[in-house]
Amino acid sequence: MSGELNYLHEFVPGSSARTLLLLHGTGGDERDLLPLGRDLDRDAALLSPRGNVLEDNRRRFFRRLAEGVFDQEDLKRRTDDLADFVVAAAQQYGLDRSKLVAVGYSNGANIAASILLRRPEVLRTAILLRAMVPFELEKLPDLSGVRVWIGGGKQDTLIPRENTERLAEMLSDAGAEVTAHFFEAGHSLTSVELLLAHRWLSAS
């Protein structure tokens, strides 16, 4: 690695112009979401970084002060770090950033949402699985032309449904085209939602 490629990561070339940016949840790593990425798009390139934060020996993308309480200063810094990595990786691997799709689960979905809100020039499409509002904004960015698919669990004890709904509303108010579904599930993903996410992605 060199320059701004400051994340350990896996890159798997694809046969199409699309690249999935795979962002794992707490305790995952750069290989965690590779199978999910292939389920969503068998032809896309896969770019999967490992979170740089350790919490109780588990990898994350940013620090938190307690369950559901984010370290806001660290979140901002790590969001910029990850956004810079994406830009540098796109240049390094010759990726079309207009065809880049963030696919984040839990902690990875939260930092993807943070990139959308803080660095809107980096991402145009995102699949957010078990996401919540990363931070509050006085002024929303212009997310016109951005497409977001959100999957929540009705029985998720870690992320209240109303928090995910508020994120969907926030992104929609910023101009994004948002599709949100809530499933009979907890924090774990279901085959039904992955199928729906695949169909949504295939239609784009």
C-alpha atoms as a PDB file:
ATOM      1  CA  MET A   1       0.000   0.000   0.000  1.00  0.00           C
ATOM      2  CA  SER A   2       1.129   3.569  -0.626  1.00  0.00           C
ATOM      3  CA  GLY A   3      -0.178   7.100  -0.595  1.00  0.00           C
ATOM      4  CA  GLU A   4      -3.762   7.269   0.636  1.00  0.00           C
ATOM      5  CA  LEU A   5      -4.397   3.508   0.392  1.00  0.00           C
ATOM      6  CA  ASN A   6      -4.161   3.454   4.175  1.00  0.00           C
ATOM      7  CA  TYR A   7      -6.561   0.546   4.728  1.00  0.00           C
ATOM      8  CA  LEU A   8      -5.725  -3.108   4.491  1.00  0.00           C
ATOM      9  CA  HIS A   9      -8.141  -4.305   1.833  1.00  0.00           C
ATOM     10  CA  GLU A  10      -9.148  -6.948  -0.661  1.00  0.00           C
ATOM     11  CA  PHE A  11      -9.674  -6.061  -4.296  1.00  0.00           C
ATOM     12  CA  VAL A  12     -11.323  -8.584  -6.604  1.00  0.00           C
ATOM     13  CA  PRO A  13     -11.540  -7.510 -10.266  1.00  0.00           C
ATOM     14  CA  GLY A  14     -14.877  -7.827 -12.016  1.00  0.00           C
ATOM     15  CA  SER A  15     -16.150  -8.216 -15.557  1.00  0.00           C
ATOM     16  CA  SER A  16     -18.428  -5.156 -15.473  1.00  0.00           C
ATOM     17  CA  ALA A  17     -17.888  -1.444 -14.840  1.00  0.00           C
ATOM     18  CA  ARG A  18     -19.551  -1.622 -11.419  1.00  0.00           C
ATOM     19  CA  THR A  19     -17.568  -1.836  -8.171  1.00  0.00           C
ATOM     20  CA  LEU A  20     -19.051  -2.764  -4.800  1.00  0.00           C
ATOM     21  CA  LEU A  21     -17.402  -1.040  -1.844  1.00  0.00           C
ATOM     22  CA  LEU A  22     -17.946  -3.600   0.919  1.00  0.00           C
ATOM     23  CA  LEU A  23     -17.948  -2.205   4.473  1.00  0.00           C
ATOM     24  CA  HIS A  24     -18.113  -4.809   7.231  1.00  0.00           C
ATOM     25  CA  GLY A  25     -19.795  -4.608  10.616  1.00  0.00           C
ATOM     26  CA  THR A  26     -18.155  -4.660  14.054  1.00  0.00           C
ATOM     27  CA  GLY A  27     -15.876  -7.667  14.362  1.00  0.00           C
ATOM     28  CA  GLY A  28     -15.641  -8.263  10.632  1.00  0.00           C
ATOM     29  CA  ASP A  29     -12.704  -7.853   8.291  1.00  0.00           C
ATOM     30  CA  GLU A  30     -11.893  -7.273   4.643  1.00  0.00           C
ATOM     31  CA  ARG A  31     -13.060 -10.782   3.670  1.00  0.00           C
ATOM     32  CA  ASP A  32     -16.297 -10.763   5.642  1.00  0.00           C
ATOM     33  CA  LEU A  33     -18.654  -9.399   2.977  1.00  0.00           C
ATOM     34  CA  LEU A  34     -17.031 -10.839  -0.149  1.00  0.00           C
ATOM     35  CA  PRO A  35     -19.644 -13.643  -0.445  1.00  0.00           C
ATOM     36  CA  LEU A  36     -22.456 -11.118   0.058  1.00  0.00           C
ATOM     37  CA  GLY A  37     -20.938  -8.935  -2.644  1.00  0.00           C
ATOM     38  CA  ARG A  38     -20.969 -11.824  -5.083  1.00  0.00           C
ATOM     39  CA  ASP A  39     -24.599 -12.591  -4.177  1.00  0.00           C
ATOM     40  CA  LEU A  40     -25.543  -8.987  -4.974  1.00  0.00           C
ATOM     41  CA  ASP A  41     -23.602  -8.784  -8.241  1.00  0.00           C
ATOM     42  CA  ARG A  42     -21.607 -11.680  -9.675  1.00  0.00           C
ATOM     43  CA  ASP A  43     -19.927  -9.447 -12.272  1.00  0.00           C
ATOM     44  CA  ALA A  44     -18.889  -6.404 -10.218  1.00  0.00           C
ATOM     45  CA  ALA A  45     -15.421  -5.695  -8.916  1.00  0.00           C
ATOM     46  CA  LEU A  46     -15.193  -5.907  -5.127  1.00  0.00           C
ATOM     47  CA  LEU A  47     -13.281  -3.404  -2.969  1.00  0.00           C
ATOM     48  CA  SER A  48     -13.338  -4.368   0.689  1.00  0.00           C
ATOM     49  CA  PRO A  49     -11.311  -2.421   3.297  1.00  0.00           C
ATOM     50  CA  ARG A  50     -10.712  -3.469   6.888  1.00  0.00           C
ATOM     51  CA  GLY A  51     -11.758  -1.001   9.580  1.00  0.00           C
ATOM     52  CA  ASN A  52      -8.798   0.703  11.278  1.00  0.00           C
ATOM     53  CA  VAL A  53     -10.324   0.895  14.778  1.00  0.00           C
ATOM     54  CA  LEU A  54     -10.060  -1.830  17.411  1.00  0.00           C
ATOM     55  CA  GLU A  55     -12.735  -2.149  20.099  1.00  0.00           C
ATOM     56  CA  ASP A  56     -12.386  -5.118  22.458  1.00  0.00           C
ATOM     57  CA  ASN A  57     -10.168  -6.668  19.788  1.00  0.00           C
ATOM     58  CA  ARG A  58     -12.924  -6.309  17.170  1.00  0.00           C
ATOM     59  CA  ARG A  59     -12.495  -4.232  14.015  1.00  0.00           C
ATOM     60  CA  ARG A  60     -14.662  -1.170  13.385  1.00  0.00           C
ATOM     61  CA  PHE A  61     -14.541   1.853  11.081  1.00  0.00           C
ATOM     62  CA  PHE A  62     -14.880   4.462  13.856  1.00  0.00           C
ATOM     63  CA  ARG A  63     -14.978   4.700  17.628  1.00  0.00           C
ATOM     64  CA  ARG A  64     -18.044   4.828  19.816  1.00  0.00           C
ATOM     65  CA  LEU A  65     -18.503   6.006  23.394  1.00  0.00           C
ATOM     66  CA  ALA A  66     -21.221   3.452  24.171  1.00  0.00           C
ATOM     67  CA  GLU A  67     -23.680   1.222  22.291  1.00  0.00           C
ATOM     68  CA  GLY A  68     -25.355   3.514  19.757  1.00  0.00           C
ATOM     69  CA  VAL A  69     -23.346   6.575  20.910  1.00  0.00           C
ATOM     70  CA  PHE A  70     -20.707   7.568  18.380  1.00  0.00           C
ATOM     71  CA  ASP A  71     -17.475   9.466  18.993  1.00  0.00           C
ATOM     72  CA  GLN A  72     -18.363  12.317  16.666  1.00  0.00           C
ATOM     73  CA  GLU A  73     -14.872  13.738  16.202  1.00  0.00           C
ATOM     74  CA  ASP A  74     -13.448  10.312  15.431  1.00  0.00           C
ATOM     75  CA  LEU A  75     -16.360   9.581  13.082  1.00  0.00           C
ATOM     76  CA  LYS A  76     -15.643  12.738  11.090  1.00  0.00           C
ATOM     77  CA  ARG A  77     -11.932  11.960  10.820  1.00  0.00           C
ATOM     78  CA  ARG A  78     -12.469   8.330   9.893  1.00  0.00           C
ATOM     79  CA  THR A  79     -15.135   9.283   7.360  1.00  0.00           C
ATOM     80  CA  ASP A  80     -12.673  11.577   5.607  1.00  0.00           C
ATOM     81  CA  ASP A  81      -9.955   8.891   5.791  1.00  0.00           C
ATOM     82  CA  LEU A  82     -12.220   6.282   4.196  1.00  0.00           C
ATOM     83  CA  ALA A  83     -13.501   8.695   1.551  1.00  0.00           C
ATOM     84  CA  ASP A  84      -9.898   9.550   0.629  1.00  0.00           C
ATOM     85  CA  PHE A  85      -9.090   5.838   0.448  1.00  0.00           C
ATOM     86  CA  VAL A  86     -11.986   5.248  -1.953  1.00  0.00           C
ATOM     87  CA  VAL A  87     -10.826   8.051  -4.237  1.00  0.00           C
ATOM     88  CA  ALA A  88      -7.225   6.781  -4.176  1.00  0.00           C
ATOM     89  CA  ALA A  89      -8.270   3.146  -4.715  1.00  0.00           C
ATOM     90  CA  ALA A  90     -10.417   4.143  -7.688  1.00  0.00           C
ATOM     91  CA  GLN A  91      -7.375   5.777  -9.245  1.00  0.00           C
ATOM     92  CA  GLN A  92      -5.070   2.891  -8.323  1.00  0.00           C
ATOM     93  CA  TYR A  93      -7.337   0.193  -9.765  1.00  0.00           C
ATOM     94  CA  GLY A  94      -8.811   2.225 -12.640  1.00  0.00           C
ATOM     95  CA  LEU A  95     -12.366   2.160 -11.273  1.00  0.00           C
ATOM     96  CA  ASP A  96     -15.276   4.209 -12.594  1.00  0.00           C
ATOM     97  CA  ARG A  97     -16.404   6.095  -9.476  1.00  0.00           C
ATOM     98  CA  SER A  98     -19.788   6.837 -11.056  1.00  0.00           C
ATOM     99  CA  LYS A  99     -20.382   3.049 -10.963  1.00  0.00           C
ATOM    100  CA  LEU A 100     -19.288   2.656  -7.341  1.00  0.00           C
ATOM    101  CA  VAL A 101     -21.867   1.192  -4.929  1.00  0.00           C
ATOM    102  CA  ALA A 102     -21.275   1.190  -1.178  1.00  0.00           C
ATOM    103  CA  VAL A 103     -22.623  -1.924   0.537  1.00  0.00           C
ATOM    104  CA  GLY A 104     -22.419  -1.528   4.294  1.00  0.00           C
ATOM    105  CA  TYR A 105     -23.594  -3.649   7.199  1.00  0.00           C
ATOM    106  CA  SER A 106     -24.148  -2.163  10.683  1.00  0.00           C
ATOM    107  CA  ASN A 107     -20.970  -0.189  11.520  1.00  0.00           C
ATOM    108  CA  GLY A 108     -20.046  -0.281   7.831  1.00  0.00           C
ATOM    109  CA  ALA A 109     -23.497   0.995   6.856  1.00  0.00           C
ATOM    110  CA  ASN A 110     -23.149   3.829   9.355  1.00  0.00           C
ATOM    111  CA  ILE A 111     -19.860   5.064   7.944  1.00  0.00           C
ATOM    112  CA  ALA A 112     -21.276   4.731   4.419  1.00  0.00           C
ATOM    113  CA  ALA A 113     -24.168   6.966   5.491  1.00  0.00           C
ATOM    114  CA  SER A 114     -21.627   9.342   6.997  1.00  0.00           C
ATOM    115  CA  ILE A 115     -19.752   9.533   3.678  1.00  0.00           C
ATOM    116  CA  LEU A 116     -23.021  10.297   1.864  1.00  0.00           C
ATOM    117  CA  LEU A 117     -23.733  13.169   4.246  1.00  0.00           C
ATOM    118  CA  ARG A 118     -20.191  14.499   4.784  1.00  0.00           C
ATOM    119  CA  ARG A 119     -18.468  13.701   1.473  1.00  0.00           C
ATOM    120  CA  PRO A 120     -21.362  13.480  -1.007  1.00  0.00           C
ATOM    121  CA  GLU A 121     -19.067  13.727  -4.035  1.00  0.00           C
ATOM    122  CA  VAL A 122     -17.635  10.263  -3.328  1.00  0.00           C
ATOM    123  CA  LEU A 123     -20.724   8.003  -3.502  1.00  0.00           C
ATOM    124  CA  ARG A 124     -23.746   7.991  -5.806  1.00  0.00           C
ATOM    125  CA  THR A 125     -25.302   4.658  -4.826  1.00  0.00           C
ATOM    126  CA  ALA A 126     -25.486   2.786  -1.521  1.00  0.00           C
ATOM    127  CA  ILE A 127     -27.052  -0.284   0.072  1.00  0.00           C
ATOM    128  CA  LEU A 128     -27.297   0.308   3.826  1.00  0.00           C
ATOM    129  CA  LEU A 129     -28.037  -2.776   5.911  1.00  0.00           C
ATOM    130  CA  ARG A 130     -28.922  -2.122   9.579  1.00  0.00           C
ATOM    131  CA  ALA A 131     -27.954   1.559   9.474  1.00  0.00           C
ATOM    132  CA  MET A 132     -28.691   4.465  11.796  1.00  0.00           C
ATOM    133  CA  VAL A 133     -28.248   8.245  11.729  1.00  0.00           C
ATOM    134  CA  PRO A 134     -24.473   8.867  12.025  1.00  0.00           C
ATOM    135  CA  PHE A 135     -24.719  12.528  13.062  1.00  0.00           C
ATOM    136  CA  GLU A 136     -27.065  15.489  12.967  1.00  0.00           C
ATOM    137  CA  LEU A 137     -26.667  18.255  10.403  1.00  0.00           C
ATOM    138  CA  GLU A 138     -27.813  21.863  10.434  1.00  0.00           C
ATOM    139  CA  LYS A 139     -27.740  21.891   6.635  1.00  0.00           C
ATOM    140  CA  LEU A 140     -28.178  18.835   4.450  1.00  0.00           C
ATOM    141  CA  PRO A 141     -25.956  18.252   1.402  1.00  0.00           C
ATOM    142  CA  ASP A 142     -27.383  18.059  -2.113  1.00  0.00           C
ATOM    143  CA  LEU A 143     -27.887  14.354  -2.806  1.00  0.00           C
ATOM    144  CA  SER A 144     -29.822  14.804  -6.039  1.00  0.00           C
ATOM    145  CA  GLY A 145     -29.215  11.786  -8.268  1.00  0.00           C
ATOM    146  CA  VAL A 146     -28.071   9.588  -5.383  1.00  0.00           C
ATOM    147  CA  ARG A 147     -29.866   6.231  -4.933  1.00  0.00           C
ATOM    148  CA  VAL A 148     -30.026   4.458  -1.579  1.00  0.00           C
ATOM    149  CA  TRP A 149     -31.546   1.115  -0.557  1.00  0.00           C
ATOM    150  CA  ILE A 150     -32.043   0.614   3.191  1.00  0.00           C
ATOM    151  CA  GLY A 151     -32.789  -2.658   4.969  1.00  0.00           C
ATOM    152  CA  GLY A 152     -33.863  -2.700   8.625  1.00  0.00           C
ATOM    153  CA  GLY A 153     -34.950  -5.369  11.067  1.00  0.00           C
ATOM    154  CA  LYS A 154     -38.277  -4.950  12.853  1.00  0.00           C
ATOM    155  CA  GLN A 155     -36.914  -6.816  15.878  1.00  0.00           C
ATOM    156  CA  ASP A 156     -33.442  -5.252  15.831  1.00  0.00           C
ATOM    157  CA  THR A 157     -32.511  -4.566  19.477  1.00  0.00           C
ATOM    158  CA  LEU A 158     -29.369  -2.629  18.511  1.00  0.00           C
ATOM    159  CA  ILE A 159     -30.900  -0.139  16.075  1.00  0.00           C
ATOM    160  CA  PRO A 160     -34.436   1.143  16.748  1.00  0.00           C
ATOM    161  CA  ARG A 161     -36.624   1.216  13.666  1.00  0.00           C
ATOM    162  CA  GLU A 162     -37.403   4.905  14.189  1.00  0.00           C
ATOM    163  CA  ASN A 163     -33.685   5.732  13.950  1.00  0.00           C
ATOM    164  CA  THR A 164     -33.358   3.971  10.592  1.00  0.00           C
ATOM    165  CA  GLU A 165     -36.558   5.657   9.416  1.00  0.00           C
ATOM    166  CA  ARG A 166     -35.097   9.038  10.400  1.00  0.00           C
ATOM    167  CA  LEU A 167     -31.975   8.280   8.350  1.00  0.00           C
ATOM    168  CA  ALA A 168     -34.152   7.423   5.348  1.00  0.00           C
ATOM    169  CA  GLU A 169     -36.060  10.675   5.808  1.00  0.00           C
ATOM    170  CA  MET A 170     -32.845  12.669   6.160  1.00  0.00           C
ATOM    171  CA  LEU A 171     -31.382  11.239   2.951  1.00  0.00           C
ATOM    172  CA  SER A 172     -34.670  11.771   1.122  1.00  0.00           C
ATOM    173  CA  ASP A 173     -34.878  15.387   2.336  1.00  0.00           C
ATOM    174  CA  ALA A 174     -31.359  15.868   0.930  1.00  0.00           C
ATOM    175  CA  GLY A 175     -32.649  14.831  -2.505  1.00  0.00           C
ATOM    176  CA  ALA A 176     -31.679  11.153  -2.634  1.00  0.00           C
ATOM    177  CA  GLU A 177     -33.988   8.517  -4.096  1.00  0.00           C
ATOM    178  CA  VAL A 178     -34.483   6.249  -1.073  1.00  0.00           C
ATOM    179  CA  THR A 179     -36.014   2.770  -0.941  1.00  0.00           C
ATOM    180  CA  ALA A 180     -36.466   1.432   2.608  1.00  0.00           C
ATOM    181  CA  HIS A 181     -37.715  -1.973   3.714  1.00  0.00           C
ATOM    182  CA  PHE A 182     -38.152  -3.434   7.202  1.00  0.00           C
ATOM    183  CA  PHE A 183     -38.060  -7.187   7.630  1.00  0.00           C
ATOM    184  CA  GLU A 184     -39.189  -9.703  10.234  1.00  0.00           C
ATOM    185  CA  ALA A 185     -35.662  -9.975  11.574  1.00  0.00           C
ATOM    186  CA  GLY A 186     -33.265  -8.717  14.201  1.00  0.00           C
ATOM    187  CA  HIS A 187     -29.770  -7.399  13.511  1.00  0.00           C
ATOM    188  CA  SER A 188     -28.937 -10.349  11.252  1.00  0.00           C
ATOM    189  CA  LEU A 189     -29.637 -10.230   7.537  1.00  0.00           C
ATOM    190  CA  THR A 190     -32.238 -12.339   5.759  1.00  0.00           C
ATOM    191  CA  SER A 191     -32.186 -14.037   2.366  1.00  0.00           C
ATOM    192  CA  VAL A 192     -35.333 -12.128   1.385  1.00  0.00           C
ATOM    193  CA  GLU A 193     -33.776  -8.706   1.855  1.00  0.00           C
ATOM    194  CA  LEU A 194     -30.616  -9.688   0.028  1.00  0.00           C
ATOM    195  CA  LEU A 195     -32.739 -10.882  -2.883  1.00  0.00           C
ATOM    196  CA  LEU A 196     -34.626  -7.569  -2.923  1.00  0.00           C
ATOM    197  CA  ALA A 197     -31.365  -5.612  -2.707  1.00  0.00           C
ATOM    198  CA  HIS A 198     -29.986  -7.666  -5.616  1.00  0.00           C
ATOM    199  CA  ARG A 199     -33.067  -6.926  -7.717  1.00  0.00           C
ATOM    200  CA  TRP A 200     -32.865  -3.205  -6.885  1.00  0.00           C
ATOM    201  CA  LEU A 201     -29.201  -3.115  -7.834  1.00  0.00           C
ATOM    202  CA  SER A 202     -29.785  -5.061 -11.036  1.00  0.00           C
ATOM    203  CA  ALA A 203     -32.419  -2.544 -12.110  1.00  0.00           C
ATOM    204  CA  SER A 204     -29.976   0.365 -11.865  1.00  0.00           C
END
